[in-house]
Amino acid sequence: MNNIDQIRAALNVVFLIGALASFILYFALGDDKSWFFYVCGAALCIKMIEFVLRFFLR
């Protein structure tokens, strides 16, 4: 069970980095916000994976 907690912690760190990057991209980009959507979508997918691990493996 400790291994799952380490994986979840790593996924949370990656999610937070992705969320921060998407926040910066939202304000740094001009009219074309496609990179914002890609990074934000990837961060949300990572968070969903972490949620599934927490919900089903506890």
Protein backbone atom coordinates (compact mmCIF):
# COMPACT_ATOMS: atom_id res chain seq x y z
CA MET A 1 0.00 0.00 0.00
CA ASN A 2 2.94 2.32 0.60
CA ASN A 3 3.92 2.00 -3.07
CA ILE A 4 0.50 3.32 -4.16
CA ASP A 5 0.87 6.28 -1.82
CA GLN A 6 4.24 7.14 -3.40
CA ILE A 7 2.75 6.93 -6.87
CA ARG A 8 -0.16 9.13 -5.80
CA ALA A 9 2.20 11.69 -4.29
CA ALA A 10 4.25 11.79 -7.50
CA LEU A 11 1.10 12.19 -9.60
CA ASN A 12 -0.05 15.03 -7.35
CA VAL A 13 3.28 16.82 -7.82
CA VAL A 14 3.03 16.42 -11.60
CA PHE A 15 -0.55 17.70 -11.49
CA LEU A 16 0.45 20.78 -9.49
CA ILE A 17 3.27 21.54 -11.93
CA GLY A 18 0.84 21.15 -14.83
CA ALA A 19 -1.73 23.38 -13.14
CA LEU A 20 0.89 26.06 -12.54
CA ALA A 21 2.12 25.79 -16.12
CA SER A 22 -1.42 26.08 -17.49
CA PHE A 23 -2.03 29.13 -15.28
CA ILE A 24 1.08 30.80 -16.65
CA LEU A 25 0.22 29.83 -20.23
CA TYR A 26 -3.28 31.25 -19.91
CA PHE A 27 -1.96 34.72 -19.19
CA ALA A 28 1.23 34.52 -21.29
CA LEU A 29 -0.37 33.48 -24.56
CA GLY A 30 -2.19 35.86 -26.82
CA ASP A 31 -5.31 34.88 -28.70
CA ASP A 32 -4.20 31.32 -29.45
CA LYS A 33 -4.79 29.40 -26.23
CA SER A 34 -4.30 25.91 -27.70
CA TRP A 35 -1.20 25.16 -25.58
CA PHE A 36 -3.15 26.14 -22.48
CA PHE A 37 -5.85 23.61 -23.33
CA TYR A 38 -3.29 20.86 -24.02
CA VAL A 39 -1.38 21.37 -20.77
CA CYS A 40 -4.53 21.84 -18.69
CA GLY A 41 -6.13 18.73 -20.21
CA ALA A 42 -3.01 16.66 -19.53
CA ALA A 43 -2.91 17.90 -15.92
CA LEU A 44 -6.57 17.00 -15.45
CA CYS A 45 -6.00 13.51 -16.88
CA ILE A 46 -3.15 12.98 -14.43
CA LYS A 47 -5.40 14.10 -11.58
CA MET A 48 -8.11 11.68 -12.71
CA ILE A 49 -5.58 8.83 -12.67
CA GLU A 50 -4.59 9.79 -9.14
CA PHE A 51 -8.25 9.90 -8.12
CA VAL A 52 -8.89 6.44 -9.55
CA LEU A 53 -5.90 5.06 -7.64
CA ARG A 54 -7.14 6.67 -4.42
CA PHE A 55 -10.76 5.64 -4.88
CA PHE A 56 -10.38 2.05 -6.06
CA LEU A 57 -7.18 0.93 -4.32
CA ARG A 58 -7.96 2.01 -0.78
